[in-house]
C-alpha atoms as a PDB file:
ATOM      1  CA  MET A   1      63.323  26.165  23.139  1.00  0.00           C
ATOM      2  CA  ASN A   2      62.880  30.418  23.149  1.00  0.00           C
ATOM      3  CA  LYS A   3      59.421  31.560  21.461  1.00  0.00           C
ATOM      4  CA  GLU A   4      58.456  34.997  20.948  1.00  0.00           C
ATOM      5  CA  LYS A   5      54.477  36.601  20.399  1.00  0.00           C
ATOM      6  CA  ILE A   6      54.583  38.251  17.841  1.00  0.00           C
ATOM      7  CA  VAL A   7      51.346  40.307  16.611  1.00  0.00           C
ATOM      8  CA  PHE A   8      51.376  41.567  13.042  1.00  0.00           C
ATOM      9  CA  ALA A   9      47.826  44.410  13.075  1.00  0.00           C
ATOM     10  CA  LEU A  10      47.769  46.561  10.410  1.00  0.00           C
ATOM     11  CA  ASN A  11      44.208  49.049   9.455  1.00  0.00           C
ATOM     12  CA  SER A  12      42.969  51.324   6.074  1.00  0.00           C
ATOM     13  CA  ALA A  13      41.120  53.034   5.027  1.00  0.00           C
ATOM     14  CA  PRO A  14      40.537  53.544   1.338  1.00  0.00           C
ATOM     15  CA  LEU A  15      39.297  56.678   0.096  1.00  0.00           C
ATOM     16  CA  PRO A  16      36.116  56.949   0.119  1.00  0.00           C
ATOM     17  CA  SER A  17      35.535  54.589   3.155  1.00  0.00           C
ATOM     18  CA  PRO A  18      33.194  55.064   5.696  1.00  0.00           C
ATOM     19  CA  SER A  19      35.657  53.318   8.573  1.00  0.00           C
ATOM     20  CA  ARG A  20      38.961  54.448   9.586  1.00  0.00           C
ATOM     21  CA  TRP A  21      39.416  50.455   8.979  1.00  0.00           C
ATOM     22  CA  LEU A  22      37.683  48.668   5.804  1.00  0.00           C
ATOM     23  CA  GLY A  23      37.744  45.315   4.909  1.00  0.00           C
ATOM     24  CA  ALA A  24      35.575  43.225   2.824  1.00  0.00           C
ATOM     25  CA  GLU A  25      34.913  39.977   2.368  1.00  0.00           C
ATOM     26  CA  VAL A  26      35.265  38.934  -1.678  1.00  0.00           C
ATOM     27  CA  ALA A  27      33.368  35.820  -3.127  1.00  0.00           C
ATOM     28  CA  ILE A  28      33.339  34.598  -6.711  1.00  0.00           C
ATOM     29  CA  GLY A  29      31.528  32.135  -8.343  1.00  0.00           C
ATOM     30  CA  MET A  30      29.270  30.184 -10.648  1.00  0.00           C
ATOM     31  CA  LEU A  31      25.489  31.009 -10.579  1.00  0.00           C
ATOM     32  CA  THR A  32      23.894  27.889 -11.454  1.00  0.00           C
ATOM     33  CA  LYS A  33      20.331  27.449 -13.362  1.00  0.00           C
ATOM     34  CA  SER A  34      18.707  27.375 -10.113  1.00  0.00           C
ATOM     35  CA  HIS A  35      20.316  30.302  -9.296  1.00  0.00           C
ATOM     36  CA  ILE A  36      19.532  32.844 -12.059  1.00  0.00           C
ATOM     37  CA  ASN A  37      15.877  31.917 -12.237  1.00  0.00           C
ATOM     38  CA  ARG A  38      15.441  32.750  -9.032  1.00  0.00           C
ATOM     39  CA  LEU A  39      17.589  36.161  -9.756  1.00  0.00           C
ATOM     40  CA  ARG A  40      15.508  36.408 -12.866  1.00  0.00           C
ATOM     41  CA  SER A  41      11.681  35.800 -10.801  1.00  0.00           C
ATOM     42  CA  ASP A  42      12.861  38.775  -8.190  1.00  0.00           C
ATOM     43  CA  LEU A  43      13.909  40.514 -10.723  1.00  0.00           C
ATOM     44  CA  ASN A  44      10.347  40.412 -12.278  1.00  0.00           C
ATOM     45  CA  LYS A  45       8.264  40.461  -9.605  1.00  0.00           C
ATOM     46  CA  GLU A  46      10.272  42.936  -7.965  1.00  0.00           C
ATOM     47  CA  GLN A  47      10.761  41.737  -4.683  1.00  0.00           C
ATOM     48  CA  LEU A  48      14.881  42.085  -5.261  1.00  0.00           C
ATOM     49  CA  PHE A  49      14.493  44.503  -2.796  1.00  0.00           C
ATOM     50  CA  THR A  50      12.776  45.328   0.465  1.00  0.00           C
ATOM     51  CA  LYS A  51      11.624  48.069   2.753  1.00  0.00           C
ATOM     52  CA  THR A  52      12.643  48.223   6.230  1.00  0.00           C
ATOM     53  CA  THR A  53      13.920  50.343   9.022  1.00  0.00           C
ATOM     54  CA  ASN A  54      17.768  51.121  10.509  1.00  0.00           C
ATOM     55  CA  PHE A  55      19.109  51.253  13.339  1.00  0.00           C
ATOM     56  CA  TRP A  56      18.679  55.087  13.458  1.00  0.00           C
ATOM     57  CA  GLY A  57      14.773  54.109  12.228  1.00  0.00           C
ATOM     58  CA  GLU A  58      15.203  55.362   8.690  1.00  0.00           C
ATOM     59  CA  ASP A  59      13.373  54.065   5.895  1.00  0.00           C
ATOM     60  CA  ILE A  60      16.396  51.702   4.162  1.00  0.00           C
ATOM     61  CA  PHE A  61      15.745  48.494   1.556  1.00  0.00           C
ATOM     62  CA  LYS A  62      17.548  45.704   1.928  1.00  0.00           C
ATOM     63  CA  SER A  63      18.156  42.629   0.054  1.00  0.00           C
ATOM     64  CA  ASP A  64      18.366  39.164   1.046  1.00  0.00           C
ATOM     65  CA  HIS A  65      19.070  37.646  -2.342  1.00  0.00           C
ATOM     66  CA  LEU A  66      21.742  39.237  -2.469  1.00  0.00           C
ATOM     67  CA  ARG A  67      23.669  38.737   1.181  1.00  0.00           C
ATOM     68  CA  ASP A  68      22.876  35.954  -0.449  1.00  0.00           C
ATOM     69  CA  LEU A  69      25.308  35.337  -3.390  1.00  0.00           C
ATOM     70  CA  MET A  70      27.750  35.687  -1.262  1.00  0.00           C
ATOM     71  CA  ASP A  71      27.458  32.390  -0.912  1.00  0.00           C
ATOM     72  CA  VAL A  72      28.533  31.862  -3.972  1.00  0.00           C
ATOM     73  CA  SER A  73      31.854  31.156  -3.756  1.00  0.00           C
ATOM     74  CA  ASP A  74      33.121  28.222  -5.346  1.00  0.00           C
ATOM     75  CA  LYS A  75      36.393  29.740  -7.063  1.00  0.00           C
ATOM     76  CA  TYR A  76      37.418  32.350  -4.682  1.00  0.00           C
ATOM     77  CA  HIS A  77      36.000  33.409  -1.081  1.00  0.00           C
ATOM     78  CA  GLN A  78      38.666  35.156   1.113  1.00  0.00           C
ATOM     79  CA  ASN A  79      38.226  37.995   3.633  1.00  0.00           C
ATOM     80  CA  GLY A  80      40.849  40.390   4.555  1.00  0.00           C
ATOM     81  CA  LEU A  81      41.983  44.345   5.056  1.00  0.00           C
ATOM     82  CA  LEU A  82      41.419  46.316   1.540  1.00  0.00           C
ATOM     83  CA  PHE A  83      44.785  48.761   0.387  1.00  0.00           C
ATOM     84  CA  PHE A  84      44.538  50.434  -2.935  1.00  0.00           C
ATOM     85  CA  GLU A  85      47.758  48.721  -3.448  1.00  0.00           C
ATOM     86  CA  ASP A  86      51.126  50.253  -1.832  1.00  0.00           C
ATOM     87  CA  ILE A  87      50.362  48.421   2.143  1.00  0.00           C
ATOM     88  CA  ASP A  88      53.347  50.101   3.415  1.00  0.00           C
ATOM     89  CA  VAL A  89      51.952  53.285   2.458  1.00  0.00           C
ATOM     90  CA  GLU A  90      48.878  53.122   2.761  1.00  0.00           C
ATOM     91  CA  CYS A  91      48.606  50.958   6.450  1.00  0.00           C
ATOM     92  CA  GLU A  92      49.348  51.971   9.381  1.00  0.00           C
ATOM     93  CA  ASP A  93      48.329  50.160  13.036  1.00  0.00           C
ATOM     94  CA  ARG A  94      46.144  53.290  14.377  1.00  0.00           C
ATOM     95  CA  GLU A  95      45.976  51.336  18.056  1.00  0.00           C
ATOM     96  CA  GLU A  96      49.452  50.397  18.174  1.00  0.00           C
ATOM     97  CA  TYR A  97      48.510  46.373  18.567  1.00  0.00           C
ATOM     98  CA  SER A  98      51.278  45.110  16.566  1.00  0.00           C
ATOM     99  CA  THR A  99      54.587  44.407  18.678  1.00  0.00           C
ATOM    100  CA  ASP A 100      57.632  46.359  17.415  1.00  0.00           C
ATOM    101  CA  ASN A 101      59.536  42.815  17.162  1.00  0.00           C
ATOM    102  CA  TRP A 102      58.637  42.334  12.885  1.00  0.00           C
ATOM    103  CA  VAL A 103      59.072  43.807  10.057  1.00  0.00           C
ATOM    104  CA  MET A 104      57.576  43.007   6.518  1.00  0.00           C
ATOM    105  CA  THR A 105      59.692  42.147   3.774  1.00  0.00           C
ATOM    106  CA  ASN A 106      60.807  43.639   0.294  1.00  0.00           C
ATOM    107  CA  TYR A 107      61.082  41.605  -3.307  1.00  0.00           C
ATOM    108  CA  GLU A 108      64.838  41.392  -2.675  1.00  0.00           C
ATOM    109  CA  ASP A 109      63.970  38.927   0.350  1.00  0.00           C
ATOM    110  CA  PRO A 110      64.082  35.382  -0.175  1.00  0.00           C
ATOM    111  CA  SER A 111      60.464  35.340   2.363  1.00  0.00           C
ATOM    112  CA  TYR A 112      58.955  37.798   0.083  1.00  0.00           C
ATOM    113  CA  ARG A 113      55.877  36.300  -1.347  1.00  0.00           C
ATOM    114  CA  SER A 114      54.464  37.920  -4.843  1.00  0.00           C
ATOM    115  CA  PRO A 115      50.661  39.245  -4.371  1.00  0.00           C
ATOM    116  CA  ASN A 116      48.348  36.822  -5.739  1.00  0.00           C
ATOM    117  CA  VAL A 117      47.280  37.615  -8.988  1.00  0.00           C
ATOM    118  CA  VAL A 118      43.334  36.378  -8.948  1.00  0.00           C
ATOM    119  CA  LYS A 119      41.734  35.099 -12.112  1.00  0.00           C
ATOM    120  CA  PHE A 120      38.761  33.065 -13.516  1.00  0.00           C
ATOM    121  CA  ASP A 121      37.264  30.549 -16.121  1.00  0.00           C
ATOM    122  CA  GLY A 122      33.706  30.598 -17.057  1.00  0.00           C
ATOM    123  CA  ALA A 123      33.381  30.392 -20.976  1.00  0.00           C
ATOM    124  CA  GLY A 124      29.918  30.605 -21.382  1.00  0.00           C
ATOM    125  CA  ASP A 125      28.970  30.706 -18.274  1.00  0.00           C
ATOM    126  CA  VAL A 126      27.712  33.510 -15.167  1.00  0.00           C
ATOM    127  CA  ILE A 127      30.011  34.496 -12.947  1.00  0.00           C
ATOM    128  CA  VAL A 128      29.242  36.500 -10.149  1.00  0.00           C
ATOM    129  CA  VAL A 129      32.077  38.687  -8.625  1.00  0.00           C
ATOM    130  CA  SER A 130      30.203  39.487  -4.773  1.00  0.00           C
ATOM    131  CA  ILE A 131      32.695  42.152  -2.208  1.00  0.00           C
ATOM    132  CA  TRP A 132      31.320  42.904   0.987  1.00  0.00           C
ATOM    133  CA  LEU A 133      32.647  46.223   2.688  1.00  0.00           C
ATOM    134  CA  LYS A 134      33.102  45.013   6.291  1.00  0.00           C
ATOM    135  CA  ASP A 135      35.026  47.510   9.379  1.00  0.00           C
ATOM    136  CA  LEU A 136      38.439  44.993   9.630  1.00  0.00           C
ATOM    137  CA  TYR A 137      41.469  45.497  11.000  1.00  0.00           C
ATOM    138  CA  PHE A 138      43.796  43.024  10.512  1.00  0.00           C
ATOM    139  CA  GLN A 139      45.236  41.139  13.628  1.00  0.00           C
ATOM    140  CA  ALA A 140      47.469  37.811  13.097  1.00  0.00           C
ATOM    141  CA  THR A 141      49.276  36.671  16.308  1.00  0.00           C
ATOM    142  CA  GLY A 142      51.848  34.217  16.636  1.00  0.00           C
ATOM    143  CA  TYR A 143      54.589  32.543  18.724  1.00  0.00           C
ATOM    144  CA  VAL A 144      57.860  31.948  16.815  1.00  0.00           C
ATOM    145  CA  GLU A 145      61.479  30.554  17.491  1.00  0.00           C
ATOM    146  CA  ALA A 146      63.521  33.565  18.402  1.00  0.00           C
ATOM    147  CA  ASP A 147      66.228  31.981  16.118  1.00  0.00           C
ATOM    148  CA  GLN A 148      64.166  32.601  13.007  1.00  0.00           C
ATOM    149  CA  LYS A 149      64.696  36.996  13.623  1.00  0.00           C
ATOM    150  CA  VAL A 150      67.114  37.793  10.763  1.00  0.00           C
ATOM    151  CA  GLU A 151      69.694  40.585  10.939  1.00  0.00           C
ATOM    152  CA  LEU A 152      68.935  43.774   8.585  1.00  0.00           C
ATOM    153  CA  ASP A 153      70.358  45.682   6.682  1.00  0.00           C
ATOM    154  CA  GLU A 154      70.637  49.574   4.936  1.00  0.00           C
ATOM    155  CA  PHE A 155      67.927  48.581   3.355  1.00  0.00           C
ATOM    156  CA  LEU A 156      64.478  50.401   5.210  1.00  0.00           C
ATOM    157  CA  ARG A 157      61.740  47.919   5.622  1.00  0.00           C
ATOM    158  CA  PHE A 158      58.604  48.522   6.871  1.00  0.00           C
ATOM    159  CA  HIS A 159      56.883  48.452  10.287  1.00  0.00           C
ATOM    160  CA  PRO A 160      53.894  50.537  11.790  1.00  0.00           C
ATOM    161  CA  ARG A 161      55.565  52.392  14.140  1.00  0.00           C
ATOM    162  CA  GLY A 162      58.444  53.235  11.721  1.00  0.00           C
ATOM    163  CA  GLY A 163      60.665  51.869   8.804  1.00  0.00           C
ATOM    164  CA  CYS A 164      63.651  50.194  10.675  1.00  0.00           C
ATOM    165  CA  SER A 165      67.269  49.581   8.912  1.00  0.00           C
ATOM    166  CA  GLU A 166      69.008  48.034  11.929  1.00  0.00           C
ATOM    167  CA  GLY A 167      68.972  45.164  14.546  1.00  0.00           C
ATOM    168  CA  SER A 168      67.326  41.970  14.640  1.00  0.00           C
ATOM    169  CA  ARG A 169      63.689  41.787  13.317  1.00  0.00           C
ATOM    170  CA  PHE A 170      61.361  38.829  12.959  1.00  0.00           C
ATOM    171  CA  HIS A 171      60.864  39.117   9.038  1.00  0.00           C
ATOM    172  CA  VAL A 172      56.804  38.887   8.381  1.00  0.00           C
ATOM    173  CA  SER A 173      55.585  38.130   4.391  1.00  0.00           C
ATOM    174  CA  THR A 174      52.607  38.342   2.837  1.00  0.00           C
ATOM    175  CA  ARG A 175      49.336  36.650   1.549  1.00  0.00           C
ATOM    176  CA  VAL A 176      47.915  39.789  -0.915  1.00  0.00           C
ATOM    177  CA  ASP A 177      45.390  39.338  -3.684  1.00  0.00           C
ATOM    178  CA  ASP A 178      46.059  41.657  -6.505  1.00  0.00           C
ATOM    179  CA  PHE A 179      41.916  42.085  -8.098  1.00  0.00           C
ATOM    180  CA  PHE A 180      43.581  45.107 -10.456  1.00  0.00           C
ATOM    181  CA  TYR A 181      43.844  42.324 -13.296  1.00  0.00           C
ATOM    182  CA  LEU A 182      40.348  41.247 -13.002  1.00  0.00           C
ATOM    183  CA  MET A 183      38.503  44.581 -11.704  1.00  0.00           C
ATOM    184  CA  GLU A 184      40.186  47.178 -14.231  1.00  0.00           C
ATOM    185  CA  GLY A 185      39.838  44.659 -17.358  1.00  0.00           C
ATOM    186  CA  LEU A 186      35.618  45.549 -16.699  1.00  0.00           C
ATOM    187  CA  GLY A 187      36.500  49.091 -15.871  1.00  0.00           C
ATOM    188  CA  PHE A 188      35.827  48.645 -12.612  1.00  0.00           C
ATOM    189  CA  GLY A 189      38.764  49.870  -9.327  1.00  0.00           C
ATOM    190  CA  GLY A 190      41.082  47.452  -8.672  1.00  0.00           C
ATOM    191  CA  PHE A 191      41.682  46.746  -4.572  1.00  0.00           C
ATOM    192  CA  SER A 192      44.898  44.813  -3.157  1.00  0.00           C
ATOM    193  CA  LEU A 193      43.399  42.388  -0.178  1.00  0.00           C
ATOM    194  CA  LEU A 194      45.828  41.409   2.111  1.00  0.00           C
ATOM    195  CA  THR A 195      44.492  37.840   3.632  1.00  0.00           C
ATOM    196  CA  SER A 196      47.530  36.274   5.535  1.00  0.00           C
ATOM    197  CA  ALA A 197      50.792  36.580   7.452  1.00  0.00           C
ATOM    198  CA  PHE A 198      53.464  34.367   7.496  1.00  0.00           C
ATOM    199  CA  VAL A 199      57.221  34.233   8.989  1.00  0.00           C
ATOM    200  CA  GLY A 200      59.040  31.679   7.146  1.00  0.00           C
ATOM    201  CA  ASP A 201      56.795  29.115   5.874  1.00  0.00           C
ATOM    202  CA  THR A 202      54.792  29.713  10.030  1.00  0.00           C
ATOM    203  CA  GLU A 203      51.087  31.055   8.441  1.00  0.00           C
ATOM    204  CA  LEU A 204      50.592  33.529  11.337  1.00  0.00           C
ATOM    205  CA  GLU A 205      46.916  32.924  13.160  1.00  0.00           C
ATOM    206  CA  ARG A 206      44.136  35.527  12.508  1.00  0.00           C
ATOM    207  CA  GLY A 207      41.770  36.379  15.665  1.00  0.00           C
ATOM    208  CA  ASP A 208      38.430  37.509  13.768  1.00  0.00           C
ATOM    209  CA  THR A 209      36.718  38.406  17.086  1.00  0.00           C
ATOM    210  CA  ASP A 210      38.938  41.426  17.504  1.00  0.00           C
ATOM    211  CA  GLU A 211      39.682  42.056  14.092  1.00  0.00           C
ATOM    212  CA  TYR A 212      35.819  43.299  13.446  1.00  0.00           C
ATOM    213  CA  MET A 213      36.169  46.297  15.674  1.00  0.00           C
ATOM    214  CA  GLU A 214      32.838  48.141  15.982  1.00  0.00           C
ATOM    215  CA  GLY A 215      31.342  45.331  13.966  1.00  0.00           C
ATOM    216  CA  ALA A 216      30.297  47.407  10.939  1.00  0.00           C
ATOM    217  CA  MET A 217      28.764  45.617   7.529  1.00  0.00           C
ATOM    218  CA  TYR A 218      27.961  48.517   4.970  1.00  0.00           C
ATOM    219  CA  ASP A 219      26.659  47.350   0.966  1.00  0.00           C
ATOM    220  CA  THR A 220      27.710  44.528  -0.668  1.00  0.00           C
ATOM    221  CA  ASN A 221      28.093  44.826  -4.763  1.00  0.00           C
ATOM    222  CA  HIS A 222      28.262  41.735  -7.310  1.00  0.00           C
ATOM    223  CA  LEU A 223      29.338  42.062 -10.529  1.00  0.00           C
ATOM    224  CA  LEU A 224      27.751  39.163 -13.198  1.00  0.00           C
ATOM    225  CA  ILE A 225      30.006  38.725 -15.450  1.00  0.00           C
ATOM    226  CA  ARG A 226      29.920  36.357 -19.184  1.00  0.00           C
ATOM    227  CA  ASP A 227      32.697  35.656 -21.365  1.00  0.00           C
ATOM    228  CA  GLY A 228      34.573  38.786 -19.696  1.00  0.00           C
ATOM    229  CA  GLU A 229      31.675  41.073 -19.722  1.00  0.00           C
ATOM    230  CA  VAL A 230      29.836  42.777 -16.953  1.00  0.00           C
ATOM    231  CA  ILE A 231      25.982  41.822 -17.921  1.00  0.00           C
ATOM    232  CA  GLY A 232      25.018  42.651 -15.063  1.00  0.00           C
ATOM    233  CA  TRP A 233      26.051  45.340 -11.633  1.00  0.00           C
ATOM    234  CA  LEU A 234      23.286  44.444  -8.255  1.00  0.00           C
ATOM    235  CA  ALA A 235      24.660  46.470  -4.636  1.00  0.00           C
ATOM    236  CA  SER A 236      22.857  47.210  -1.711  1.00  0.00           C
ATOM    237  CA  ASN A 237      23.700  50.909  -1.655  1.00  0.00           C
ATOM    238  CA  ASN A 238      21.001  52.998  -0.687  1.00  0.00           C
ATOM    239  CA  GLY A 239      23.732  56.014  -0.687  1.00  0.00           C
ATOM    240  CA  GLU A 240      26.353  56.936  -1.904  1.00  0.00           C
ATOM    241  CA  PHE A 241      29.376  53.980  -3.875  1.00  0.00           C
ATOM    242  CA  MET A 242      32.298  54.057  -1.642  1.00  0.00           C
ATOM    243  CA  PHE A 243      36.199  52.137  -2.708  1.00  0.00           C
ATOM    244  CA  PRO A 244      36.801  50.877  -4.600  1.00  0.00           C
ATOM    245  CA  PHE A 245      32.906  51.613  -6.263  1.00  0.00           C
ATOM    246  CA  ALA A 246      33.220  55.862  -6.186  1.00  0.00           C
ATOM    247  CA  ASP A 247      35.152  55.654  -9.742  1.00  0.00           C
ATOM    248  CA  LEU A 248      34.445  53.492 -12.663  1.00  0.00           C
ATOM    249  CA  ASP A 249      35.554  53.596 -16.571  1.00  0.00           C
ATOM    250  CA  ASN A 250      32.274  52.011 -17.924  1.00  0.00           C
ATOM    251  CA  ASP A 251      28.904  53.318 -18.722  1.00  0.00           C
ATOM    252  CA  VAL A 252      27.109  50.369 -16.388  1.00  0.00           C
ATOM    253  CA  THR A 253      24.580  51.005 -14.241  1.00  0.00           C
ATOM    254  CA  CYS A 254      24.183  49.622 -11.138  1.00  0.00           C
ATOM    255  CA  ILE A 255      20.662  48.213 -10.130  1.00  0.00           C
ATOM    256  CA  CYS A 256      20.430  49.020  -6.670  1.00  0.00           C
ATOM    257  CA  PRO A 257      18.083  51.401  -4.455  1.00  0.00           C
ATOM    258  CA  LYS A 258      20.084  54.578  -4.158  1.00  0.00           C
ATOM    259  CA  LEU A 259      18.930  54.296  -8.018  1.00  0.00           C
ATOM    260  CA  MET A 260      15.617  52.619  -7.973  1.00  0.00           C
ATOM    261  CA  GLN A 261      14.838  55.838  -5.407  1.00  0.00           C
ATOM    262  CA  GLU A 262      16.014  58.272  -7.642  1.00  0.00           C
ATOM    263  CA  ASP A 263      15.307  57.232 -10.944  1.00  0.00           C
ATOM    264  CA  SER A 264      12.592  55.290 -11.343  1.00  0.00           C
ATOM    265  CA  ALA A 265      12.607  54.477 -15.022  1.00  0.00           C
ATOM    266  CA  MET A 266      16.123  54.029 -15.669  1.00  0.00           C
ATOM    267  CA  PHE A 267      16.074  51.045 -12.579  1.00  0.00           C
ATOM    268  CA  ASP A 268      13.099  49.232 -14.671  1.00  0.00           C
ATOM    269  CA  ARG A 269      15.045  49.481 -17.891  1.00  0.00           C
ATOM    270  CA  THR A 270      18.115  48.174 -16.537  1.00  0.00           C
ATOM    271  CA  VAL A 271      16.470  45.378 -14.568  1.00  0.00           C
ATOM    272  CA  GLN A 272      14.717  44.453 -17.672  1.00  0.00           C
ATOM    273  CA  ASP A 273      18.104  44.442 -19.462  1.00  0.00           C
ATOM    274  CA  LEU A 274      19.684  41.621 -17.328  1.00  0.00           C
ATOM    275  CA  VAL A 275      16.906  39.703 -17.394  1.00  0.00           C
ATOM    276  CA  THR A 276      16.957  39.739 -21.257  1.00  0.00           C
ATOM    277  CA  LYS A 277      20.286  39.445 -20.568  1.00  0.00           C
ATOM    278  CA  LEU A 278      19.967  35.951 -18.146  1.00  0.00           C
ATOM    279  CA  GLY A 279      17.609  34.604 -20.632  1.00  0.00           C
ATOM    280  CA  ALA A 280      20.380  34.380 -23.156  1.00  0.00           C
END
């Protein structure tokens, strides 16, 4: 047996992004009666956000409750590289971690994997879609039999250091979760999440320690949905919103520290509106 090491590595920085390697953890789940009661209580008692200081000694507000919502994940839970739509256009390998013995499959290849369109059921329930932005440099590694290499044809295939159309390379397929159907249907920006890489049926192993680079963790956003409509939007933002929440096609007001500090009257009205909807 003759195995070769393969490293598949990509980073992405969809605008506006705080990082050159932006990733996300995404969780989707149903809020139980206990979850809803706790949320209503924290909103009514003005306990959703607490004041603290950041690394630079600046006053900010945080929310342990919102972080806990990341654990509501009975319908979906993945982390990966965040990008808009075209992985071969938007993503790169800035640090050149990738080996040069692979190319990505295209839709004509037998091993190509179509994007997984994320949907969920939950009629009458309150569903929370939680998105936590983080530094993440996608890296997946494996040792693969050399005879799995494929002779390339005239069609150009993607590699971050330049497309290839000749020679013998491993064909890497990816699992990409497609959030356009879900998010755009709610009036929010769609996005894609790269979660896995494969050679044939062999899944390459992601290196969690190496993936997190500086390890920065950014804001969390949480959409509360009932019967296909957003009844509330909660976030930990003290400042401006980042991809994929910077451009919206709705009039949903976000309950977050930024609004609390800039327009307390609007913040209070939005909180009471959500409390009422949660009690319905």
